[in-house]
Amino acid sequence: MAPKTARARRLGIALRTHREAAGLTLEAAADEINSTRSTLSRYENAQTLVSPATVRALLTLYGVAPDEVAAAVQLAKDARKPGWWVSYSYLLDRRTIDFIALEAEATGIANFEPSVVPGLLQTADYIRGVMRGGPHTLGDEQVEQRVQLRLDRQQRLVADNPPIFDAIIDEGALLRPVGERTVMEAQLQHLLKMGELPNVTVQVIPLSAGYHRGTRGSLHILEFADPEDPIIASVETVAGQMVLDRPGDLRTCTKIMEHLRSVALSPAASRDQLRQLMKGR
């Protein structure tokens, strides 16, 4: 089963929109192309990749203009191209791979973390400390594979056409030791360095802010270049990563992220706070 990428989601939305505009039910459309209701539903929900030939057959059935059909067929071809993360897919569960595939296409990423430094801003040694303290007992080789995967994810921040990345970190995460003392010192220094990038903003929520809406767990919000791609939210739970795309959930997550930005220190004040934390070590 392929990851649910932004391209696959966009294609599924287009298939559903055109089917509904044509006034066809899932059953009726599936019958016309000798398929089943459940298969067509999986195409529309991007749970199964749809072949370019099937896209052409469906959109022709729906009476879509030839130029739109051609664009959708190309989208289907692009959605089938493997991403760099495929070589790591054996390491992680399906939901995490789905999130990484979406993150790789996002043009805007906002991430709040209450307990650890955001993954896209972690140093290699900090990642090792996190992996060794995680819920699974991992050997050295497995740890190093996960370290490399996270470092690969970070490359987008310094590549051509990087995403806008807003990181909001609870001060408690910066006070919690991960690894040796030198690991935390290097991690704080790395946060200051990454915050200097034009596409990266780092904000700290001070302990003095008290209890806030993000205290319960981490939150990601991803935005995409195509206006037809709805935003995606992701929350971290003890059971793993959950990707949310229902409108009600997205409104709630967006409001929470806005609240977190409002209680966080400004980027300049956050830099000062990071320097103070470094002096205190």
C-alpha atoms as a PDB file:
ATOM      1  CA  MET A   1       0.000   0.000   0.000  1.00  0.00           C
ATOM      2  CA  ALA A   2       1.569   3.303  -1.100  1.00  0.00           C
ATOM      3  CA  PRO A   3       1.856   6.341   1.182  1.00  0.00           C
ATOM      4  CA  LYS A   4      -0.987   8.838   1.021  1.00  0.00           C
ATOM      5  CA  THR A   5       0.916  11.715  -0.592  1.00  0.00           C
ATOM      6  CA  ALA A   6      -0.461  15.169  -1.312  1.00  0.00           C
ATOM      7  CA  ARG A   7      -0.660  14.273  -5.022  1.00  0.00           C
ATOM      8  CA  ALA A   8      -2.650  11.128  -4.276  1.00  0.00           C
ATOM      9  CA  ARG A   9      -5.009  13.090  -2.012  1.00  0.00           C
ATOM     10  CA  ARG A  10      -5.520  15.779  -4.681  1.00  0.00           C
ATOM     11  CA  LEU A  11      -6.285  13.117  -7.283  1.00  0.00           C
ATOM     12  CA  GLY A  12      -8.782  11.392  -4.992  1.00  0.00           C
ATOM     13  CA  ILE A  13     -10.561  14.683  -4.287  1.00  0.00           C
ATOM     14  CA  ALA A  14     -10.777  15.368  -8.038  1.00  0.00           C
ATOM     15  CA  LEU A  15     -12.229  11.915  -8.736  1.00  0.00           C
ATOM     16  CA  ARG A  16     -14.898  12.354  -6.060  1.00  0.00           C
ATOM     17  CA  THR A  17     -15.742  15.926  -7.086  1.00  0.00           C
ATOM     18  CA  HIS A  18     -16.182  15.031 -10.766  1.00  0.00           C
ATOM     19  CA  ARG A  19     -18.212  11.912  -9.936  1.00  0.00           C
ATOM     20  CA  GLU A  20     -20.591  13.909  -7.758  1.00  0.00           C
ATOM     21  CA  ALA A  21     -20.861  16.630 -10.425  1.00  0.00           C
ATOM     22  CA  ALA A  22     -21.834  13.914 -12.910  1.00  0.00           C
ATOM     23  CA  GLY A  23     -24.550  12.763 -10.529  1.00  0.00           C
ATOM     24  CA  LEU A  24     -23.207   9.238 -10.185  1.00  0.00           C
ATOM     25  CA  THR A  25     -23.077   7.131  -7.034  1.00  0.00           C
ATOM     26  CA  LEU A  26     -20.010   5.086  -6.171  1.00  0.00           C
ATOM     27  CA  GLU A  27     -21.896   1.934  -7.177  1.00  0.00           C
ATOM     28  CA  ALA A  28     -22.991   3.308 -10.555  1.00  0.00           C
ATOM     29  CA  ALA A  29     -19.525   4.626 -11.448  1.00  0.00           C
ATOM     30  CA  ALA A  30     -17.849   1.389 -10.351  1.00  0.00           C
ATOM     31  CA  ASP A  31     -20.263  -0.684 -12.473  1.00  0.00           C
ATOM     32  CA  GLU A  32     -19.410   1.369 -15.554  1.00  0.00           C
ATOM     33  CA  ILE A  33     -15.705   0.509 -15.309  1.00  0.00           C
ATOM     34  CA  ASN A  34     -16.238  -3.083 -14.080  1.00  0.00           C
ATOM     35  CA  SER A  35     -14.942  -2.276 -10.616  1.00  0.00           C
ATOM     36  CA  THR A  36     -16.423  -2.308  -7.111  1.00  0.00           C
ATOM     37  CA  ARG A  37     -17.789   0.366  -4.808  1.00  0.00           C
ATOM     38  CA  SER A  38     -15.104  -0.325  -2.189  1.00  0.00           C
ATOM     39  CA  THR A  39     -12.270  -0.063  -4.723  1.00  0.00           C
ATOM     40  CA  LEU A  40     -13.545   3.246  -6.081  1.00  0.00           C
ATOM     41  CA  SER A  41     -13.975   4.532  -2.525  1.00  0.00           C
ATOM     42  CA  ARG A  42     -10.335   3.660  -1.775  1.00  0.00           C
ATOM     43  CA  TYR A  43      -9.259   5.584  -4.890  1.00  0.00           C
ATOM     44  CA  GLU A  44     -11.201   8.663  -3.791  1.00  0.00           C
ATOM     45  CA  ASN A  45      -9.809   8.479  -0.254  1.00  0.00           C
ATOM     46  CA  ALA A  46      -6.235   7.948  -1.561  1.00  0.00           C
ATOM     47  CA  GLN A  47      -6.019   4.650   0.296  1.00  0.00           C
ATOM     48  CA  THR A  48      -5.090   2.856  -2.933  1.00  0.00           C
ATOM     49  CA  LEU A  49      -3.166   4.344  -5.846  1.00  0.00           C
ATOM     50  CA  VAL A  50      -5.253   4.539  -8.997  1.00  0.00           C
ATOM     51  CA  SER A  51      -3.705   3.736 -12.376  1.00  0.00           C
ATOM     52  CA  PRO A  52      -3.516   6.433 -15.072  1.00  0.00           C
ATOM     53  CA  ALA A  53      -5.730   4.265 -17.327  1.00  0.00           C
ATOM     54  CA  THR A  54      -8.431   4.051 -14.650  1.00  0.00           C
ATOM     55  CA  VAL A  55      -8.272   7.807 -14.100  1.00  0.00           C
ATOM     56  CA  ARG A  56      -8.779   8.351 -17.827  1.00  0.00           C
ATOM     57  CA  ALA A  57     -11.727   5.915 -17.908  1.00  0.00           C
ATOM     58  CA  LEU A  58     -13.427   7.470 -14.876  1.00  0.00           C
ATOM     59  CA  LEU A  59     -13.032  11.104 -15.919  1.00  0.00           C
ATOM     60  CA  THR A  60     -14.157  10.315 -19.474  1.00  0.00           C
ATOM     61  CA  LEU A  61     -17.224   8.635 -17.969  1.00  0.00           C
ATOM     62  CA  TYR A  62     -17.846  11.773 -15.901  1.00  0.00           C
ATOM     63  CA  GLY A  63     -17.693  13.988 -19.017  1.00  0.00           C
ATOM     64  CA  VAL A  64     -14.600  15.911 -17.951  1.00  0.00           C
ATOM     65  CA  ALA A  65     -12.864  18.141 -20.535  1.00  0.00           C
ATOM     66  CA  PRO A  66      -9.887  16.486 -22.318  1.00  0.00           C
ATOM     67  CA  ASP A  67      -7.300  18.938 -20.939  1.00  0.00           C
ATOM     68  CA  GLU A  68      -8.449  18.248 -17.365  1.00  0.00           C
ATOM     69  CA  VAL A  69      -8.358  14.513 -18.049  1.00  0.00           C
ATOM     70  CA  ALA A  70      -4.776  14.807 -19.322  1.00  0.00           C
ATOM     71  CA  ALA A  71      -3.720  16.781 -16.227  1.00  0.00           C
ATOM     72  CA  ALA A  72      -5.294  14.210 -13.913  1.00  0.00           C
ATOM     73  CA  VAL A  73      -3.651  11.327 -15.789  1.00  0.00           C
ATOM     74  CA  GLN A  74      -0.265  13.043 -15.349  1.00  0.00           C
ATOM     75  CA  LEU A  75      -1.053  13.524 -11.659  1.00  0.00           C
ATOM     76  CA  ALA A  76      -1.744   9.781 -11.400  1.00  0.00           C
ATOM     77  CA  LYS A  77       1.622   9.052 -12.996  1.00  0.00           C
ATOM     78  CA  ASP A  78       3.404  11.453 -10.628  1.00  0.00           C
ATOM     79  CA  ALA A  79       1.647   9.971  -7.587  1.00  0.00           C
ATOM     80  CA  ARG A  80       3.115   6.564  -8.422  1.00  0.00           C
ATOM     81  CA  LYS A  81       6.727   7.780  -8.402  1.00  0.00           C
ATOM     82  CA  PRO A  82       8.525   6.525  -5.278  1.00  0.00           C
ATOM     83  CA  GLY A  83       9.789   9.154  -2.833  1.00  0.00           C
ATOM     84  CA  TRP A  84      13.167   9.127  -1.092  1.00  0.00           C
ATOM     85  CA  TRP A  85      11.516   7.758   2.068  1.00  0.00           C
ATOM     86  CA  VAL A  86      10.575   4.447   0.382  1.00  0.00           C
ATOM     87  CA  SER A  87      13.926   2.911   1.311  1.00  0.00           C
ATOM     88  CA  TYR A  88      13.048   3.480   4.980  1.00  0.00           C
ATOM     89  CA  SER A  89       9.480   2.197   4.846  1.00  0.00           C
ATOM     90  CA  TYR A  90      10.408  -1.115   6.490  1.00  0.00           C
ATOM     91  CA  LEU A  91      11.508   0.815   9.615  1.00  0.00           C
ATOM     92  CA  LEU A  92       8.279   2.608  10.399  1.00  0.00           C
ATOM     93  CA  ASP A  93       4.550   2.045  10.655  1.00  0.00           C
ATOM     94  CA  ARG A  94       2.193   3.047   7.846  1.00  0.00           C
ATOM     95  CA  ARG A  95       0.870   6.181   9.579  1.00  0.00           C
ATOM     96  CA  THR A  96       4.356   7.577  10.107  1.00  0.00           C
ATOM     97  CA  ILE A  97       5.318   6.898   6.484  1.00  0.00           C
ATOM     98  CA  ASP A  98       2.093   8.608   5.349  1.00  0.00           C
ATOM     99  CA  PHE A  99       3.053  11.663   7.395  1.00  0.00           C
ATOM    100  CA  ILE A 100       6.619  11.755   6.065  1.00  0.00           C
ATOM    101  CA  ALA A 101       5.282  11.538   2.487  1.00  0.00           C
ATOM    102  CA  LEU A 102       2.968  14.493   3.133  1.00  0.00           C
ATOM    103  CA  GLU A 103       5.668  16.482   4.945  1.00  0.00           C
ATOM    104  CA  ALA A 104       7.984  16.014   1.952  1.00  0.00           C
ATOM    105  CA  GLU A 105       5.492  17.873  -0.281  1.00  0.00           C
ATOM    106  CA  ALA A 106       4.412  20.574   2.183  1.00  0.00           C
ATOM    107  CA  THR A 107       5.274  24.198   1.481  1.00  0.00           C
ATOM    108  CA  GLY A 108       4.418  25.273   5.029  1.00  0.00           C
ATOM    109  CA  ILE A 109       5.062  23.301   8.226  1.00  0.00           C
ATOM    110  CA  ALA A 110       4.089  24.371  11.738  1.00  0.00           C
ATOM    111  CA  ASN A 111       5.134  22.115  14.619  1.00  0.00           C
ATOM    112  CA  PHE A 112       4.536  22.472  18.348  1.00  0.00           C
ATOM    113  CA  GLU A 113       6.397  20.165  20.702  1.00  0.00           C
ATOM    114  CA  PRO A 114       5.825  20.080  24.477  1.00  0.00           C
ATOM    115  CA  SER A 115       8.403  17.452  25.470  1.00  0.00           C
ATOM    116  CA  VAL A 116      11.200  17.296  22.890  1.00  0.00           C
ATOM    117  CA  VAL A 117      12.912  19.531  20.355  1.00  0.00           C
ATOM    118  CA  PRO A 118      11.047  19.363  16.996  1.00  0.00           C
ATOM    119  CA  GLY A 119      12.371  16.489  14.889  1.00  0.00           C
ATOM    120  CA  LEU A 120      13.335  18.748  11.957  1.00  0.00           C
ATOM    121  CA  LEU A 121      15.616  20.730  14.303  1.00  0.00           C
ATOM    122  CA  GLN A 122      17.225  17.882  16.253  1.00  0.00           C
ATOM    123  CA  THR A 123      20.969  17.200  16.121  1.00  0.00           C
ATOM    124  CA  ALA A 124      22.182  13.674  15.372  1.00  0.00           C
ATOM    125  CA  ASP A 125      23.242  13.084  18.996  1.00  0.00           C
ATOM    126  CA  TYR A 126      19.924  14.380  20.303  1.00  0.00           C
ATOM    127  CA  ILE A 127      18.076  12.041  17.915  1.00  0.00           C
ATOM    128  CA  ARG A 128      20.154   9.138  19.259  1.00  0.00           C
ATOM    129  CA  GLY A 129      19.166  10.046  22.817  1.00  0.00           C
ATOM    130  CA  VAL A 130      15.487  10.213  21.872  1.00  0.00           C
ATOM    131  CA  MET A 131      15.588   6.898  20.006  1.00  0.00           C
ATOM    132  CA  ARG A 132      17.305   5.104  22.884  1.00  0.00           C
ATOM    133  CA  GLY A 133      14.702   6.401  25.314  1.00  0.00           C
ATOM    134  CA  GLY A 134      11.755   5.565  23.076  1.00  0.00           C
ATOM    135  CA  PRO A 135       9.062   2.923  23.567  1.00  0.00           C
ATOM    136  CA  HIS A 136      10.953   0.280  21.564  1.00  0.00           C
ATOM    137  CA  THR A 137      14.223  -1.423  22.458  1.00  0.00           C
ATOM    138  CA  LEU A 138      16.456  -0.704  19.485  1.00  0.00           C
ATOM    139  CA  GLY A 139      19.901  -2.007  18.624  1.00  0.00           C
ATOM    140  CA  ASP A 140      22.684   0.360  17.573  1.00  0.00           C
ATOM    141  CA  GLU A 141      22.116  -0.325  13.868  1.00  0.00           C
ATOM    142  CA  GLN A 142      18.363   0.351  14.161  1.00  0.00           C
ATOM    143  CA  VAL A 143      19.058   3.583  16.038  1.00  0.00           C
ATOM    144  CA  GLU A 144      21.484   4.751  13.355  1.00  0.00           C
ATOM    145  CA  GLN A 145      18.987   3.957  10.592  1.00  0.00           C
ATOM    146  CA  ARG A 146      16.387   6.135  12.314  1.00  0.00           C
ATOM    147  CA  VAL A 147      18.940   8.889  12.887  1.00  0.00           C
ATOM    148  CA  GLN A 148      19.748   8.926   9.166  1.00  0.00           C
ATOM    149  CA  LEU A 149      16.054   8.974   8.243  1.00  0.00           C
ATOM    150  CA  ARG A 150      15.446  12.038  10.405  1.00  0.00           C
ATOM    151  CA  LEU A 151      18.547  13.788   9.078  1.00  0.00           C
ATOM    152  CA  ASP A 152      17.299  13.090   5.535  1.00  0.00           C
ATOM    153  CA  ARG A 153      13.942  14.682   6.431  1.00  0.00           C
ATOM    154  CA  GLN A 154      15.791  17.770   7.661  1.00  0.00           C
ATOM    155  CA  GLN A 155      17.522  18.330   4.313  1.00  0.00           C
ATOM    156  CA  ARG A 156      14.443  20.045   2.864  1.00  0.00           C
ATOM    157  CA  LEU A 157      14.940  22.981   5.226  1.00  0.00           C
ATOM    158  CA  VAL A 158      18.227  23.902   3.532  1.00  0.00           C
ATOM    159  CA  ALA A 159      17.449  22.715  -0.007  1.00  0.00           C
ATOM    160  CA  ASP A 160      16.256  24.800  -2.951  1.00  0.00           C
ATOM    161  CA  ASN A 161      12.672  26.057  -2.513  1.00  0.00           C
ATOM    162  CA  PRO A 162      12.497  25.013   1.149  1.00  0.00           C
ATOM    163  CA  PRO A 163       9.223  25.012   3.094  1.00  0.00           C
ATOM    164  CA  ILE A 164       8.384  27.704   5.600  1.00  0.00           C
ATOM    165  CA  PHE A 165       8.911  26.060   8.991  1.00  0.00           C
ATOM    166  CA  ASP A 166       7.469  27.485  12.208  1.00  0.00           C
ATOM    167  CA  ALA A 167       8.682  25.650  15.302  1.00  0.00           C
ATOM    168  CA  ILE A 168       7.059  26.305  18.666  1.00  0.00           C
ATOM    169  CA  ILE A 169       8.745  24.620  21.615  1.00  0.00           C
ATOM    170  CA  ASP A 170       7.631  24.449  25.222  1.00  0.00           C
ATOM    171  CA  GLU A 171      10.460  25.535  27.522  1.00  0.00           C
ATOM    172  CA  GLY A 172      10.041  22.281  29.419  1.00  0.00           C
ATOM    173  CA  ALA A 173      11.383  20.433  26.373  1.00  0.00           C
ATOM    174  CA  LEU A 174      14.540  22.561  26.478  1.00  0.00           C
ATOM    175  CA  LEU A 175      15.084  21.931  30.183  1.00  0.00           C
ATOM    176  CA  ARG A 176      14.714  18.157  29.859  1.00  0.00           C
ATOM    177  CA  PRO A 177      18.151  16.524  29.430  1.00  0.00           C
ATOM    178  CA  VAL A 178      18.506  14.178  26.465  1.00  0.00           C
ATOM    179  CA  GLY A 179      21.888  12.475  26.391  1.00  0.00           C
ATOM    180  CA  GLU A 180      25.003  14.015  27.896  1.00  0.00           C
ATOM    181  CA  ARG A 181      25.224  17.661  28.930  1.00  0.00           C
ATOM    182  CA  THR A 182      27.255  18.445  25.807  1.00  0.00           C
ATOM    183  CA  VAL A 183      24.418  17.029  23.679  1.00  0.00           C
ATOM    184  CA  MET A 184      21.951  19.574  25.076  1.00  0.00           C
ATOM    185  CA  GLU A 185      24.444  22.420  24.718  1.00  0.00           C
ATOM    186  CA  ALA A 186      24.995  21.539  21.066  1.00  0.00           C
ATOM    187  CA  GLN A 187      21.236  21.170  20.559  1.00  0.00           C
ATOM    188  CA  LEU A 188      20.486  24.646  21.924  1.00  0.00           C
ATOM    189  CA  GLN A 189      23.263  26.087  19.750  1.00  0.00           C
ATOM    190  CA  HIS A 190      21.750  24.311  16.728  1.00  0.00           C
ATOM    191  CA  LEU A 191      18.336  25.834  17.449  1.00  0.00           C
ATOM    192  CA  LEU A 192      19.890  29.305  17.442  1.00  0.00           C
ATOM    193  CA  LYS A 193      21.679  28.558  14.154  1.00  0.00           C
ATOM    194  CA  MET A 194      18.588  27.117  12.428  1.00  0.00           C
ATOM    195  CA  GLY A 195      16.490  30.059  13.613  1.00  0.00           C
ATOM    196  CA  GLU A 196      18.707  32.320  11.509  1.00  0.00           C
ATOM    197  CA  LEU A 197      17.505  30.701   8.283  1.00  0.00           C
ATOM    198  CA  PRO A 198      15.013  32.930   6.420  1.00  0.00           C
ATOM    199  CA  ASN A 199      12.461  30.105   6.177  1.00  0.00           C
ATOM    200  CA  VAL A 200      12.710  28.950   9.816  1.00  0.00           C
ATOM    201  CA  THR A 201      11.109  30.593  12.848  1.00  0.00           C
ATOM    202  CA  VAL A 202      11.745  29.306  16.357  1.00  0.00           C
ATOM    203  CA  GLN A 203       9.513  30.372  19.249  1.00  0.00           C
ATOM    204  CA  VAL A 204       9.615  29.261  22.864  1.00  0.00           C
ATOM    205  CA  ILE A 205       6.618  29.076  25.177  1.00  0.00           C
ATOM    206  CA  PRO A 206       8.016  29.991  28.614  1.00  0.00           C
ATOM    207  CA  LEU A 207       7.069  28.032  31.706  1.00  0.00           C
ATOM    208  CA  SER A 208       5.623  31.292  33.032  1.00  0.00           C
ATOM    209  CA  ALA A 209       2.826  30.955  30.444  1.00  0.00           C
ATOM    210  CA  GLY A 210       1.392  28.245  32.693  1.00  0.00           C
ATOM    211  CA  TYR A 211      -1.006  25.630  31.414  1.00  0.00           C
ATOM    212  CA  HIS A 212      -1.868  26.129  27.745  1.00  0.00           C
ATOM    213  CA  ARG A 213      -3.787  24.336  25.017  1.00  0.00           C
ATOM    214  CA  GLY A 214      -0.740  22.490  23.742  1.00  0.00           C
ATOM    215  CA  THR A 215       0.208  20.914  27.041  1.00  0.00           C
ATOM    216  CA  ARG A 216      -1.463  17.641  26.085  1.00  0.00           C
ATOM    217  CA  GLY A 217       0.742  16.763  23.126  1.00  0.00           C
ATOM    218  CA  SER A 218       2.592  17.592  19.931  1.00  0.00           C
ATOM    219  CA  LEU A 219       0.891  19.067  16.879  1.00  0.00           C
ATOM    220  CA  HIS A 220       1.847  19.443  13.214  1.00  0.00           C
ATOM    221  CA  ILE A 221      -0.002  21.432  10.567  1.00  0.00           C
ATOM    222  CA  LEU A 222       1.035  21.048   6.918  1.00  0.00           C
ATOM    223  CA  GLU A 223       0.111  23.400   4.071  1.00  0.00           C
ATOM    224  CA  PHE A 224       0.573  22.753   0.357  1.00  0.00           C
ATOM    225  CA  ALA A 225       1.227  24.854  -2.731  1.00  0.00           C
ATOM    226  CA  ASP A 226      -1.899  23.795  -4.620  1.00  0.00           C
ATOM    227  CA  PRO A 227      -4.934  25.693  -3.288  1.00  0.00           C
ATOM    228  CA  GLU A 228      -7.018  22.571  -3.864  1.00  0.00           C
ATOM    229  CA  ASP A 229      -4.919  20.662  -1.341  1.00  0.00           C
ATOM    230  CA  PRO A 230      -6.546  21.062   2.076  1.00  0.00           C
ATOM    231  CA  ILE A 231      -4.247  21.458   5.060  1.00  0.00           C
ATOM    232  CA  ILE A 232      -3.357  18.393   7.095  1.00  0.00           C
ATOM    233  CA  ALA A 233      -2.911  18.147  10.851  1.00  0.00           C
ATOM    234  CA  SER A 234      -1.099  15.447  12.759  1.00  0.00           C
ATOM    235  CA  VAL A 235      -1.004  14.694  16.466  1.00  0.00           C
ATOM    236  CA  GLU A 236       1.323  12.383  18.356  1.00  0.00           C
ATOM    237  CA  THR A 237      -0.280   9.868  20.694  1.00  0.00           C
ATOM    238  CA  VAL A 238       1.039   6.981  22.778  1.00  0.00           C
ATOM    239  CA  ALA A 239      -0.269   4.754  19.977  1.00  0.00           C
ATOM    240  CA  GLY A 240       1.714   6.635  17.303  1.00  0.00           C
ATOM    241  CA  GLN A 241       1.107   9.433  14.824  1.00  0.00           C
ATOM    242  CA  MET A 242      -2.434  10.239  13.724  1.00  0.00           C
ATOM    243  CA  VAL A 243      -3.070  12.251  10.549  1.00  0.00           C
ATOM    244  CA  LEU A 244      -6.261  14.337  10.676  1.00  0.00           C
ATOM    245  CA  ASP A 245      -8.046  15.730   7.625  1.00  0.00           C
ATOM    246  CA  ARG A 246     -11.672  16.210   8.698  1.00  0.00           C
ATOM    247  CA  PRO A 247     -12.763  19.875   8.566  1.00  0.00           C
ATOM    248  CA  GLY A 248     -13.836  19.977  12.225  1.00  0.00           C
ATOM    249  CA  ASP A 249     -10.534  18.517  13.429  1.00  0.00           C
ATOM    250  CA  LEU A 250      -8.568  20.895  11.201  1.00  0.00           C
ATOM    251  CA  ARG A 251     -10.413  23.948  12.562  1.00  0.00           C
ATOM    252  CA  THR A 252      -9.668  22.839  16.115  1.00  0.00           C
ATOM    253  CA  CYS A 253      -5.982  22.196  15.377  1.00  0.00           C
ATOM    254  CA  THR A 254      -5.605  25.527  13.558  1.00  0.00           C
ATOM    255  CA  LYS A 255      -7.105  27.397  16.521  1.00  0.00           C
ATOM    256  CA  ILE A 256      -4.790  25.580  18.922  1.00  0.00           C
ATOM    257  CA  MET A 257      -1.737  26.495  16.823  1.00  0.00           C
ATOM    258  CA  GLU A 258      -2.849  30.143  16.709  1.00  0.00           C
ATOM    259  CA  HIS A 259      -3.208  30.084  20.503  1.00  0.00           C
ATOM    260  CA  LEU A 260       0.273  28.587  20.901  1.00  0.00           C
ATOM    261  CA  ARG A 261       1.793  31.319  18.714  1.00  0.00           C
ATOM    262  CA  SER A 262       0.068  33.933  20.858  1.00  0.00           C
ATOM    263  CA  VAL A 263       1.416  32.615  24.180  1.00  0.00           C
ATOM    264  CA  ALA A 264       4.932  31.984  22.819  1.00  0.00           C
ATOM    265  CA  LEU A 265       7.731  34.517  23.062  1.00  0.00           C
ATOM    266  CA  SER A 266       8.556  36.436  19.888  1.00  0.00           C
ATOM    267  CA  PRO A 267      11.360  34.983  17.743  1.00  0.00           C
ATOM    268  CA  ALA A 268      13.781  37.621  19.071  1.00  0.00           C
ATOM    269  CA  ALA A 269      12.786  37.022  22.706  1.00  0.00           C
ATOM    270  CA  SER A 270      12.984  33.277  22.060  1.00  0.00           C
ATOM    271  CA  ARG A 271      16.593  33.654  20.911  1.00  0.00           C
ATOM    272  CA  ASP A 272      17.361  35.506  24.142  1.00  0.00           C
ATOM    273  CA  GLN A 273      15.680  32.722  26.109  1.00  0.00           C
ATOM    274  CA  LEU A 274      17.765  30.086  24.320  1.00  0.00           C
ATOM    275  CA  ARG A 275      20.953  32.023  25.147  1.00  0.00           C
ATOM    276  CA  GLN A 276      19.892  32.253  28.793  1.00  0.00           C
ATOM    277  CA  LEU A 277      19.276  28.506  28.890  1.00  0.00           C
ATOM    278  CA  MET A 278      22.743  27.917  27.457  1.00  0.00           C
ATOM    279  CA  LYS A 279      24.329  30.116  30.135  1.00  0.00           C
ATOM    280  CA  GLY A 280      22.470  28.212  32.823  1.00  0.00           C
ATOM    281  CA  ARG A 281      23.979  24.883  31.836  1.00  0.00           C
END
